[in-house]
Amino acid sequence: MAIINPAELDLQEEAVVKINRTAKVTSRGKRFRFSALVVVGDGKGHIGVGLGKANEVISAIQKGKEIAKRTIVKVSIINGTIPHAIIGKHGASRIFLKPASPGTGIIAGASVRAVMEQVGVHNILTKRQGSKNTMNLVSATMDALLRMKDAVAIANKRGVTIGEVFN
């Protein structure tokens, strides 16, 4: 897998999926820290996810964005949807992704919708199964997107033409 330079990509505005506040109780009161789950993408098949943690919300979002830029990967997209149906798993969360015809839109919950908008998918049907933990759902969606294969890659691997792949 090739390393993708985020400076070469035309990245969209980052999408903050979730901001979580944690509190440490001390003798002087509560000490708050924040974590931010951030998704960045170029809308053309590149996507990265990052989890930033800091004492302020803005710093956490900034750290999450930098981490997401370092983890950018390429995903196969065909005509604004995915090549085939797939189930992604992470922890107790499962996500079923199914290609949809043009005009359908993104039928998904908030966390999965953020990932799909950033990667550039415009028509897709999704169904969450199991846990609805936001971080696990985003990871499960990334798992499904990374395991997808397009017809060209399968044809090259098998050493056949693209037409023979569908037979």
N, C-alpha and C. Protein backbone atom coordinates (compact mmCIF):
# COMPACT_ATOMS: atom_id res chain seq x y z
N MET A 1 0.85 -1.17 0.00
CA MET A 1 0.00 0.00 0.00
C MET A 1 0.90 1.24 0.00
N ALA A 2 0.63 2.13 -0.94
CA ALA A 2 1.45 3.32 -1.09
C ALA A 2 1.10 4.36 -0.02
N ILE A 3 2.11 5.10 0.40
CA ILE A 3 1.90 6.18 1.37
C ILE A 3 1.37 7.39 0.60
N ILE A 4 0.27 7.97 1.10
CA ILE A 4 -0.38 9.09 0.42
C ILE A 4 0.02 10.38 1.12
N ASN A 5 0.49 11.34 0.35
CA ASN A 5 0.90 12.63 0.89
C ASN A 5 -0.34 13.55 0.97
N PRO A 6 -0.75 13.96 2.19
CA PRO A 6 -1.96 14.79 2.31
C PRO A 6 -1.80 16.17 1.66
N ALA A 7 -0.56 16.64 1.48
CA ALA A 7 -0.34 17.95 0.87
C ALA A 7 -0.73 17.95 -0.61
N GLU A 8 -0.65 16.77 -1.27
CA GLU A 8 -0.99 16.67 -2.69
C GLU A 8 -2.50 16.61 -2.92
N LEU A 9 -3.26 16.26 -1.88
CA LEU A 9 -4.71 16.10 -2.03
C LEU A 9 -5.42 17.42 -1.76
N ASP A 10 -6.59 17.59 -2.40
CA ASP A 10 -7.43 18.77 -2.19
C ASP A 10 -8.44 18.41 -1.09
N LEU A 11 -8.01 18.47 0.17
CA LEU A 11 -8.84 18.02 1.29
C LEU A 11 -9.99 18.99 1.56
N GLN A 12 -11.15 18.40 1.90
CA GLN A 12 -12.32 19.19 2.28
C GLN A 12 -12.13 19.66 3.73
N GLU A 13 -13.08 20.44 4.22
CA GLU A 13 -13.10 20.82 5.64
C GLU A 13 -13.30 19.54 6.45
N GLU A 14 -12.56 19.40 7.55
CA GLU A 14 -12.66 18.18 8.35
C GLU A 14 -14.05 18.05 8.98
N ALA A 15 -14.48 16.83 9.21
CA ALA A 15 -15.76 16.58 9.87
C ALA A 15 -15.49 16.06 11.28
N VAL A 16 -15.97 16.80 12.29
CA VAL A 16 -15.82 16.35 13.67
C VAL A 16 -17.00 15.44 13.97
N VAL A 17 -16.73 14.16 14.17
CA VAL A 17 -17.79 13.17 14.37
C VAL A 17 -18.28 13.20 15.81
N LYS A 18 -17.34 13.26 16.76
CA LYS A 18 -17.74 13.21 18.18
C LYS A 18 -16.71 13.92 19.04
N ILE A 19 -17.20 14.67 20.02
CA ILE A 19 -16.33 15.27 21.03
C ILE A 19 -16.74 14.67 22.37
N ASN A 20 -15.77 14.08 23.06
CA ASN A 20 -16.05 13.42 24.33
C ASN A 20 -15.34 14.15 25.46
N ARG A 21 -16.04 14.37 26.57
CA ARG A 21 -15.45 15.04 27.72
C ARG A 21 -15.25 14.03 28.83
N THR A 22 -14.03 14.00 29.39
CA THR A 22 -13.76 13.13 30.53
C THR A 22 -13.37 14.01 31.71
N ALA A 23 -13.68 13.56 32.90
CA ALA A 23 -13.38 14.36 34.10
C ALA A 23 -12.55 13.53 35.08
N LYS A 24 -11.48 14.15 35.57
CA LYS A 24 -10.67 13.55 36.63
C LYS A 24 -10.97 14.35 37.89
N VAL A 25 -11.46 13.68 38.91
CA VAL A 25 -11.83 14.37 40.14
C VAL A 25 -10.62 14.41 41.07
N THR A 26 -10.21 15.62 41.42
CA THR A 26 -9.09 15.79 42.34
C THR A 26 -9.60 16.47 43.62
N SER A 27 -8.69 16.71 44.56
CA SER A 27 -9.09 17.36 45.82
C SER A 27 -9.50 18.82 45.57
N ARG A 28 -9.04 19.39 44.44
CA ARG A 28 -9.39 20.78 44.13
C ARG A 28 -10.55 20.91 43.15
N GLY A 29 -11.20 19.81 42.86
CA GLY A 29 -12.34 19.87 41.94
C GLY A 29 -12.16 18.93 40.76
N LYS A 30 -12.84 19.23 39.68
CA LYS A 30 -12.80 18.36 38.50
C LYS A 30 -11.85 18.92 37.45
N ARG A 31 -11.07 18.05 36.85
CA ARG A 31 -10.14 18.43 35.78
C ARG A 31 -10.70 17.79 34.50
N PHE A 32 -11.09 18.61 33.53
CA PHE A 32 -11.70 18.10 32.31
C PHE A 32 -10.67 17.94 31.20
N ARG A 33 -10.81 16.88 30.41
CA ARG A 33 -10.02 16.67 29.20
C ARG A 33 -11.00 16.31 28.10
N PHE A 34 -10.60 16.56 26.85
CA PHE A 34 -11.48 16.32 25.72
C PHE A 34 -10.81 15.42 24.69
N SER A 35 -11.63 14.60 24.04
CA SER A 35 -11.14 13.82 22.90
C SER A 35 -12.08 14.12 21.73
N ALA A 36 -11.49 14.22 20.54
CA ALA A 36 -12.28 14.54 19.34
C ALA A 36 -11.99 13.52 18.25
N LEU A 37 -13.04 12.92 17.73
CA LEU A 37 -12.92 11.98 16.61
C LEU A 37 -13.16 12.77 15.33
N VAL A 38 -12.13 12.83 14.46
CA VAL A 38 -12.16 13.69 13.28
C VAL A 38 -11.95 12.84 12.03
N VAL A 39 -12.71 13.18 10.96
CA VAL A 39 -12.57 12.49 9.67
C VAL A 39 -12.20 13.54 8.62
N VAL A 40 -11.15 13.25 7.82
CA VAL A 40 -10.78 14.13 6.71
C VAL A 40 -10.78 13.31 5.42
N GLY A 41 -11.14 13.98 4.32
CA GLY A 41 -11.15 13.32 3.02
C GLY A 41 -11.18 14.34 1.91
N ASP A 42 -10.97 13.88 0.68
CA ASP A 42 -10.96 14.80 -0.46
C ASP A 42 -12.20 14.65 -1.33
N GLY A 43 -13.11 13.74 -0.98
CA GLY A 43 -14.33 13.54 -1.76
C GLY A 43 -14.09 12.78 -3.04
N LYS A 44 -12.88 12.22 -3.21
CA LYS A 44 -12.55 11.48 -4.43
C LYS A 44 -11.94 10.12 -4.10
N GLY A 45 -12.26 9.58 -2.93
CA GLY A 45 -11.78 8.24 -2.59
C GLY A 45 -10.67 8.18 -1.57
N HIS A 46 -10.23 9.32 -1.03
CA HIS A 46 -9.21 9.31 0.01
C HIS A 46 -9.86 9.68 1.34
N ILE A 47 -9.50 8.93 2.40
CA ILE A 47 -10.13 9.14 3.70
C ILE A 47 -9.13 8.85 4.83
N GLY A 48 -9.22 9.64 5.90
CA GLY A 48 -8.39 9.42 7.07
C GLY A 48 -9.18 9.70 8.33
N VAL A 49 -8.92 8.93 9.39
CA VAL A 49 -9.63 9.09 10.66
C VAL A 49 -8.60 9.31 11.76
N GLY A 50 -8.87 10.25 12.66
CA GLY A 50 -7.94 10.51 13.76
C GLY A 50 -8.67 10.82 15.06
N LEU A 51 -8.07 10.41 16.18
CA LEU A 51 -8.61 10.68 17.50
C LEU A 51 -7.60 11.54 18.25
N GLY A 52 -7.96 12.80 18.50
CA GLY A 52 -7.06 13.72 19.20
C GLY A 52 -7.54 13.96 20.61
N LYS A 53 -6.59 14.05 21.55
CA LYS A 53 -6.93 14.29 22.96
C LYS A 53 -6.15 15.48 23.47
N ALA A 54 -6.83 16.36 24.21
CA ALA A 54 -6.16 17.55 24.75
C ALA A 54 -7.00 18.15 25.88
N ASN A 55 -6.45 19.21 26.51
CA ASN A 55 -7.16 19.88 27.60
C ASN A 55 -8.23 20.84 27.11
N GLU A 56 -8.16 21.27 25.84
CA GLU A 56 -9.18 22.13 25.25
C GLU A 56 -9.78 21.46 24.02
N VAL A 57 -11.01 21.84 23.70
CA VAL A 57 -11.71 21.24 22.56
C VAL A 57 -11.00 21.56 21.25
N ILE A 58 -10.60 22.81 21.06
CA ILE A 58 -9.98 23.23 19.79
C ILE A 58 -8.68 22.48 19.57
N SER A 59 -7.89 22.32 20.63
CA SER A 59 -6.62 21.59 20.54
C SER A 59 -6.87 20.12 20.19
N ALA A 60 -7.90 19.53 20.80
CA ALA A 60 -8.22 18.13 20.52
C ALA A 60 -8.62 17.95 19.06
N ILE A 61 -9.43 18.87 18.53
CA ILE A 61 -9.85 18.80 17.13
C ILE A 61 -8.63 18.95 16.22
N GLN A 62 -7.75 19.88 16.55
CA GLN A 62 -6.54 20.11 15.74
C GLN A 62 -5.66 18.87 15.72
N LYS A 63 -5.46 18.24 16.90
CA LYS A 63 -4.65 17.02 16.99
C LYS A 63 -5.30 15.89 16.20
N GLY A 64 -6.62 15.76 16.32
CA GLY A 64 -7.35 14.73 15.59
C GLY A 64 -7.20 14.90 14.09
N LYS A 65 -7.24 16.15 13.62
CA LYS A 65 -7.08 16.45 12.19
C LYS A 65 -5.69 16.07 11.71
N GLU A 66 -4.66 16.37 12.51
CA GLU A 66 -3.28 16.02 12.12
C GLU A 66 -3.11 14.50 12.06
N ILE A 67 -3.67 13.78 13.02
CA ILE A 67 -3.58 12.32 13.05
C ILE A 67 -4.33 11.73 11.85
N ALA A 68 -5.50 12.31 11.54
CA ALA A 68 -6.29 11.84 10.40
C ALA A 68 -5.53 12.03 9.09
N LYS A 69 -4.82 13.15 8.96
CA LYS A 69 -4.04 13.40 7.74
C LYS A 69 -2.92 12.38 7.57
N ARG A 70 -2.37 11.91 8.70
CA ARG A 70 -1.29 10.92 8.63
C ARG A 70 -1.81 9.53 8.26
N THR A 71 -3.11 9.28 8.47
CA THR A 71 -3.65 7.94 8.24
C THR A 71 -4.52 7.85 6.98
N ILE A 72 -4.30 8.74 6.01
CA ILE A 72 -5.14 8.75 4.81
C ILE A 72 -4.88 7.51 3.96
N VAL A 73 -5.97 6.88 3.49
CA VAL A 73 -5.89 5.70 2.62
C VAL A 73 -6.79 5.91 1.40
N LYS A 74 -6.57 5.10 0.37
CA LYS A 74 -7.36 5.17 -0.87
C LYS A 74 -8.45 4.10 -0.83
N VAL A 75 -9.66 4.48 -1.23
CA VAL A 75 -10.81 3.58 -1.24
C VAL A 75 -11.39 3.55 -2.65
N SER A 76 -11.86 2.37 -3.09
CA SER A 76 -12.43 2.28 -4.44
C SER A 76 -13.89 2.73 -4.45
N ILE A 77 -14.19 3.69 -5.33
CA ILE A 77 -15.55 4.22 -5.51
C ILE A 77 -15.88 4.16 -6.99
N ILE A 78 -17.10 3.72 -7.31
CA ILE A 78 -17.54 3.64 -8.71
C ILE A 78 -18.85 4.40 -8.85
N ASN A 79 -18.87 5.44 -9.69
CA ASN A 79 -20.08 6.24 -9.96
C ASN A 79 -20.77 6.75 -8.69
N GLY A 80 -20.00 7.21 -7.72
CA GLY A 80 -20.57 7.79 -6.51
C GLY A 80 -21.10 6.78 -5.51
N THR A 81 -20.81 5.49 -5.71
CA THR A 81 -21.21 4.48 -4.73
C THR A 81 -20.09 3.46 -4.60
N ILE A 82 -20.32 2.42 -3.79
CA ILE A 82 -19.29 1.41 -3.58
C ILE A 82 -19.47 0.27 -4.58
N PRO A 83 -18.41 -0.52 -4.85
CA PRO A 83 -18.51 -1.58 -5.87
C PRO A 83 -19.44 -2.74 -5.50
N HIS A 84 -19.50 -3.10 -4.22
CA HIS A 84 -20.32 -4.26 -3.82
C HIS A 84 -20.71 -4.13 -2.35
N ALA A 85 -21.67 -4.95 -1.92
CA ALA A 85 -22.12 -4.94 -0.53
C ALA A 85 -21.05 -5.59 0.35
N ILE A 86 -20.92 -5.08 1.58
CA ILE A 86 -19.89 -5.60 2.48
C ILE A 86 -20.30 -5.30 3.92
N ILE A 87 -19.82 -6.13 4.85
CA ILE A 87 -20.06 -5.91 6.27
C ILE A 87 -18.71 -5.61 6.93
N GLY A 88 -18.64 -4.48 7.63
CA GLY A 88 -17.43 -4.11 8.37
C GLY A 88 -17.65 -4.37 9.85
N LYS A 89 -16.58 -4.82 10.54
CA LYS A 89 -16.70 -5.14 11.95
C LYS A 89 -15.58 -4.48 12.74
N HIS A 90 -15.92 -4.01 13.91
CA HIS A 90 -14.92 -3.52 14.86
C HIS A 90 -15.53 -3.58 16.25
N GLY A 91 -14.91 -4.35 17.14
CA GLY A 91 -15.47 -4.53 18.47
C GLY A 91 -16.83 -5.20 18.36
N ALA A 92 -17.83 -4.65 19.05
CA ALA A 92 -19.19 -5.20 19.01
C ALA A 92 -20.04 -4.53 17.94
N SER A 93 -19.44 -3.60 17.17
CA SER A 93 -20.18 -2.89 16.13
C SER A 93 -20.01 -3.57 14.78
N ARG A 94 -21.10 -3.64 14.05
CA ARG A 94 -21.07 -4.13 12.67
C ARG A 94 -21.82 -3.12 11.81
N ILE A 95 -21.32 -2.91 10.57
CA ILE A 95 -21.99 -1.99 9.66
C ILE A 95 -22.13 -2.67 8.31
N PHE A 96 -23.36 -2.68 7.79
CA PHE A 96 -23.63 -3.26 6.49
C PHE A 96 -23.71 -2.12 5.47
N LEU A 97 -22.85 -2.16 4.46
CA LEU A 97 -22.83 -1.15 3.41
C LEU A 97 -23.31 -1.79 2.12
N LYS A 98 -24.26 -1.14 1.44
CA LYS A 98 -24.83 -1.68 0.22
C LYS A 98 -24.86 -0.59 -0.84
N PRO A 99 -24.37 -0.88 -2.07
CA PRO A 99 -24.41 0.15 -3.12
C PRO A 99 -25.85 0.53 -3.46
N ALA A 100 -26.04 1.78 -3.87
CA ALA A 100 -27.39 2.27 -4.20
C ALA A 100 -27.36 2.96 -5.56
N SER A 101 -28.53 3.04 -6.20
CA SER A 101 -28.64 3.68 -7.51
C SER A 101 -28.56 5.20 -7.35
N PRO A 102 -28.20 5.92 -8.43
CA PRO A 102 -28.10 7.38 -8.36
C PRO A 102 -29.42 8.02 -7.92
N GLY A 103 -29.33 9.02 -7.05
CA GLY A 103 -30.51 9.71 -6.54
C GLY A 103 -30.97 9.21 -5.19
N THR A 104 -30.37 8.13 -4.69
CA THR A 104 -30.77 7.57 -3.40
C THR A 104 -30.31 8.44 -2.24
N GLY A 105 -29.08 8.94 -2.31
CA GLY A 105 -28.52 9.72 -1.22
C GLY A 105 -27.80 8.83 -0.24
N ILE A 106 -27.36 9.42 0.86
CA ILE A 106 -26.65 8.67 1.89
C ILE A 106 -27.65 8.32 2.99
N ILE A 107 -28.05 7.04 3.02
CA ILE A 107 -28.98 6.57 4.04
C ILE A 107 -28.13 5.97 5.15
N ALA A 108 -27.81 6.78 6.18
CA ALA A 108 -26.91 6.34 7.24
C ALA A 108 -27.07 7.22 8.47
N GLY A 109 -26.57 6.71 9.59
CA GLY A 109 -26.55 7.48 10.82
C GLY A 109 -25.46 8.54 10.75
N ALA A 110 -25.37 9.37 11.78
CA ALA A 110 -24.48 10.52 11.77
C ALA A 110 -23.02 10.16 11.60
N SER A 111 -22.53 9.16 12.34
CA SER A 111 -21.10 8.82 12.28
C SER A 111 -20.71 8.22 10.94
N VAL A 112 -21.53 7.32 10.41
CA VAL A 112 -21.25 6.68 9.12
C VAL A 112 -21.43 7.70 7.99
N ARG A 113 -22.42 8.58 8.11
CA ARG A 113 -22.66 9.63 7.11
C ARG A 113 -21.44 10.53 6.96
N ALA A 114 -20.82 10.90 8.10
CA ALA A 114 -19.63 11.77 8.06
C ALA A 114 -18.51 11.12 7.25
N VAL A 115 -18.28 9.82 7.46
CA VAL A 115 -17.24 9.10 6.73
C VAL A 115 -17.58 9.06 5.24
N MET A 116 -18.84 8.76 4.91
CA MET A 116 -19.24 8.64 3.50
C MET A 116 -19.14 9.98 2.76
N GLU A 117 -19.52 11.06 3.43
CA GLU A 117 -19.43 12.38 2.80
C GLU A 117 -17.98 12.76 2.53
N GLN A 118 -17.09 12.45 3.47
CA GLN A 118 -15.69 12.81 3.30
C GLN A 118 -15.00 11.97 2.22
N VAL A 119 -15.40 10.71 2.09
CA VAL A 119 -14.75 9.83 1.10
C VAL A 119 -15.29 10.10 -0.32
N GLY A 120 -16.48 10.68 -0.42
CA GLY A 120 -17.03 11.02 -1.74
C GLY A 120 -18.11 10.08 -2.24
N VAL A 121 -18.71 9.31 -1.34
CA VAL A 121 -19.83 8.43 -1.72
C VAL A 121 -21.11 9.25 -1.61
N HIS A 122 -21.91 9.26 -2.69
CA HIS A 122 -23.15 10.06 -2.71
C HIS A 122 -24.41 9.20 -2.61
N ASN A 123 -24.32 7.92 -2.95
CA ASN A 123 -25.48 7.03 -2.93
C ASN A 123 -25.09 5.72 -2.25
N ILE A 124 -25.67 5.48 -1.09
CA ILE A 124 -25.35 4.25 -0.35
C ILE A 124 -26.45 3.95 0.66
N LEU A 125 -26.65 2.68 0.93
CA LEU A 125 -27.58 2.22 1.96
C LEU A 125 -26.74 1.58 3.06
N THR A 126 -27.00 1.92 4.32
CA THR A 126 -26.24 1.34 5.42
C THR A 126 -27.18 0.87 6.52
N LYS A 127 -26.69 -0.08 7.31
CA LYS A 127 -27.45 -0.55 8.47
C LYS A 127 -26.47 -0.89 9.58
N ARG A 128 -26.67 -0.25 10.72
CA ARG A 128 -25.85 -0.55 11.89
C ARG A 128 -26.41 -1.76 12.61
N GLN A 129 -25.51 -2.66 13.03
CA GLN A 129 -25.92 -3.83 13.81
C GLN A 129 -25.00 -3.93 15.02
N GLY A 130 -25.54 -4.34 16.15
CA GLY A 130 -24.72 -4.45 17.35
C GLY A 130 -24.58 -3.11 18.04
N SER A 131 -23.39 -2.86 18.57
CA SER A 131 -23.14 -1.66 19.37
C SER A 131 -23.23 -0.39 18.53
N LYS A 132 -23.72 0.70 19.15
CA LYS A 132 -23.82 1.97 18.44
C LYS A 132 -22.75 2.95 18.91
N ASN A 133 -21.68 2.44 19.52
CA ASN A 133 -20.55 3.26 19.95
C ASN A 133 -19.97 3.96 18.73
N THR A 134 -19.88 5.29 18.77
CA THR A 134 -19.48 6.09 17.62
C THR A 134 -18.09 5.73 17.10
N MET A 135 -17.14 5.60 18.00
CA MET A 135 -15.77 5.30 17.59
C MET A 135 -15.67 3.93 16.93
N ASN A 136 -16.37 2.95 17.50
CA ASN A 136 -16.36 1.61 16.91
C ASN A 136 -17.05 1.60 15.55
N LEU A 137 -18.14 2.38 15.41
CA LEU A 137 -18.84 2.44 14.12
C LEU A 137 -17.97 3.05 13.03
N VAL A 138 -17.24 4.10 13.35
CA VAL A 138 -16.34 4.72 12.37
C VAL A 138 -15.24 3.73 11.99
N SER A 139 -14.69 3.02 12.98
CA SER A 139 -13.66 2.02 12.69
C SER A 139 -14.21 0.86 11.86
N ALA A 140 -15.45 0.44 12.13
CA ALA A 140 -16.08 -0.63 11.36
C ALA A 140 -16.32 -0.19 9.92
N THR A 141 -16.72 1.08 9.74
CA THR A 141 -16.92 1.62 8.39
C THR A 141 -15.61 1.65 7.63
N MET A 142 -14.54 2.08 8.29
CA MET A 142 -13.21 2.09 7.66
C MET A 142 -12.78 0.68 7.31
N ASP A 143 -13.06 -0.29 8.19
CA ASP A 143 -12.72 -1.70 7.93
C ASP A 143 -13.42 -2.18 6.66
N ALA A 144 -14.71 -1.86 6.53
CA ALA A 144 -15.46 -2.28 5.34
C ALA A 144 -14.91 -1.61 4.08
N LEU A 145 -14.62 -0.30 4.15
CA LEU A 145 -14.12 0.43 2.97
C LEU A 145 -12.75 -0.09 2.54
N LEU A 146 -11.91 -0.45 3.49
CA LEU A 146 -10.57 -0.94 3.15
C LEU A 146 -10.59 -2.36 2.58
N ARG A 147 -11.56 -3.17 2.97
CA ARG A 147 -11.63 -4.56 2.48
C ARG A 147 -12.34 -4.68 1.13
N MET A 148 -12.96 -3.57 0.65
CA MET A 148 -13.64 -3.62 -0.65
C MET A 148 -12.65 -3.80 -1.78
N LYS A 149 -13.10 -4.52 -2.82
CA LYS A 149 -12.27 -4.71 -4.00
C LYS A 149 -13.06 -4.28 -5.23
N ASP A 150 -12.37 -3.64 -6.19
CA ASP A 150 -13.04 -3.29 -7.45
C ASP A 150 -12.72 -4.35 -8.50
N ALA A 151 -13.52 -4.37 -9.56
CA ALA A 151 -13.42 -5.39 -10.60
C ALA A 151 -12.05 -5.40 -11.27
N VAL A 152 -11.45 -4.24 -11.46
CA VAL A 152 -10.14 -4.15 -12.12
C VAL A 152 -9.07 -4.86 -11.29
N ALA A 153 -9.08 -4.64 -9.97
CA ALA A 153 -8.08 -5.26 -9.09
C ALA A 153 -8.24 -6.78 -9.08
N ILE A 154 -9.49 -7.25 -9.03
CA ILE A 154 -9.75 -8.69 -9.03
C ILE A 154 -9.30 -9.31 -10.35
N ALA A 155 -9.60 -8.65 -11.47
CA ALA A 155 -9.20 -9.15 -12.79
C ALA A 155 -7.68 -9.23 -12.90
N ASN A 156 -6.98 -8.22 -12.44
CA ASN A 156 -5.51 -8.24 -12.49
C ASN A 156 -4.94 -9.35 -11.62
N LYS A 157 -5.52 -9.56 -10.46
CA LYS A 157 -5.03 -10.59 -9.53
C LYS A 157 -5.24 -11.99 -10.10
N ARG A 158 -6.40 -12.22 -10.72
CA ARG A 158 -6.70 -13.54 -11.30
C ARG A 158 -6.07 -13.73 -12.67
N GLY A 159 -5.66 -12.63 -13.30
CA GLY A 159 -5.07 -12.74 -14.64
C GLY A 159 -6.11 -12.98 -15.72
N VAL A 160 -7.31 -12.41 -15.55
CA VAL A 160 -8.39 -12.55 -16.53
C VAL A 160 -8.88 -11.16 -16.94
N THR A 161 -9.77 -11.11 -17.93
CA THR A 161 -10.34 -9.82 -18.33
C THR A 161 -11.44 -9.41 -17.35
N ILE A 162 -11.82 -8.13 -17.39
CA ILE A 162 -12.84 -7.63 -16.48
C ILE A 162 -14.18 -8.31 -16.73
N GLY A 163 -14.50 -8.61 -17.97
CA GLY A 163 -15.74 -9.30 -18.31
C GLY A 163 -15.84 -10.68 -17.70
N GLU A 164 -14.71 -11.39 -17.60
CA GLU A 164 -14.70 -12.75 -17.03
C GLU A 164 -14.91 -12.75 -15.53
N VAL A 165 -14.64 -11.63 -14.86
CA VAL A 165 -14.80 -11.55 -13.40
C VAL A 165 -16.26 -11.74 -13.02
N PHE A 166 -17.18 -11.20 -13.83
CA PHE A 166 -18.61 -11.26 -13.50
C PHE A 166 -19.28 -12.56 -13.92
N ASN A 167 -18.57 -13.45 -14.57
CA ASN A 167 -19.16 -14.74 -15.00
C ASN A 167 -19.04 -15.79 -13.93
